[in-house]
Protein backbone atom coordinates (compact mmCIF):
# COMPACT_ATOMS: atom_id res chain seq x y z
CA GLU A 1 2.12 3.13 -6.07
CA LEU A 2 3.34 1.62 -2.82
CA TYR A 3 5.60 -1.42 -2.79
CA ILE A 4 6.03 -3.43 0.42
CA PRO A 5 8.40 -6.40 0.09
CA GLU A 6 6.96 -9.80 0.91
CA GLN A 7 7.00 -10.96 4.54
CA THR A 8 7.74 -7.42 5.74
CA LEU A 9 4.49 -7.02 7.70
CA ASP A 10 3.24 -9.41 10.36
CA TYR A 11 -0.37 -10.63 10.15
CA GLY A 12 -2.81 -8.03 11.40
CA THR A 13 -4.58 -4.82 10.45
CA TYR A 14 -2.62 -1.71 9.49
CA GLN A 15 -3.71 1.86 8.90
CA PHE A 16 -1.90 3.66 6.10
CA THR A 17 -2.20 7.46 6.06
CA LEU A 18 -1.11 9.58 3.11
CA THR A 19 -0.68 13.31 3.67
CA VAL A 20 -0.06 15.71 0.79
CA ARG A 21 1.14 19.29 1.38
CA MET A 22 1.84 22.00 -1.17
CA ALA A 23 5.49 23.07 -1.06
CA ALA A 24 4.60 26.71 -1.77
CA ALA A 25 1.81 26.82 0.83
CA SER A 26 2.47 24.38 3.68
CA GLN A 27 -0.79 25.35 5.40
CA LEU A 28 -2.65 23.62 2.53
CA SER A 29 -2.75 19.88 3.08
CA SER A 30 -4.99 16.86 2.69
CA SER A 31 -4.85 13.41 4.28
CA MET A 32 -6.48 10.09 3.48
CA SER A 33 -6.39 6.80 5.38
CA ALA A 34 -6.90 3.20 4.31
CA TYR A 35 -6.92 0.03 6.38
CA VAL A 36 -5.11 -3.05 5.09
CA GLN A 37 -5.46 -6.48 6.65
CA ILE A 38 -2.60 -8.97 6.24
CA ILE A 39 -3.79 -12.59 6.45
CA PRO A 40 -2.16 -15.97 5.75
CA SER A 41 -2.79 -17.17 2.18
CA ASN A 42 -1.28 -19.37 -0.49
CA ILE A 43 -2.08 -16.78 -3.18
CA VAL A 44 0.94 -15.37 -4.99
CA VAL A 45 0.73 -11.95 -6.66
CA ASN A 46 3.28 -11.11 -9.33
CA LEU A 47 3.32 -7.35 -9.93
CA ILE A 48 4.80 -6.27 -13.22
CA ARG A 49 5.85 -2.62 -13.31
CA PHE A 50 3.79 -0.69 -15.88
CA GLY A 51 2.19 -3.96 -16.96
CA THR A 52 -0.42 -6.50 -16.06
CA THR A 53 -0.79 -7.93 -12.57
CA MET A 54 -0.85 -11.72 -12.40
CA ILE A 55 -2.40 -13.64 -9.46
CA THR A 56 -1.86 -17.40 -9.08
CA GLN A 57 -2.79 -19.92 -6.44
């Protein structure tokens, strides 16, 4: 789970890269990337921890 507070990122496209390494064997690692585009919208997402996500407009 990744939480980014509202209005933290400017509009645009971002690449998020997650790299996982084993503590006992640092030469073993894996990475994955995802692109996220931030656009203007009047949609409001209310995330409830360990619960249901609610989207309103």
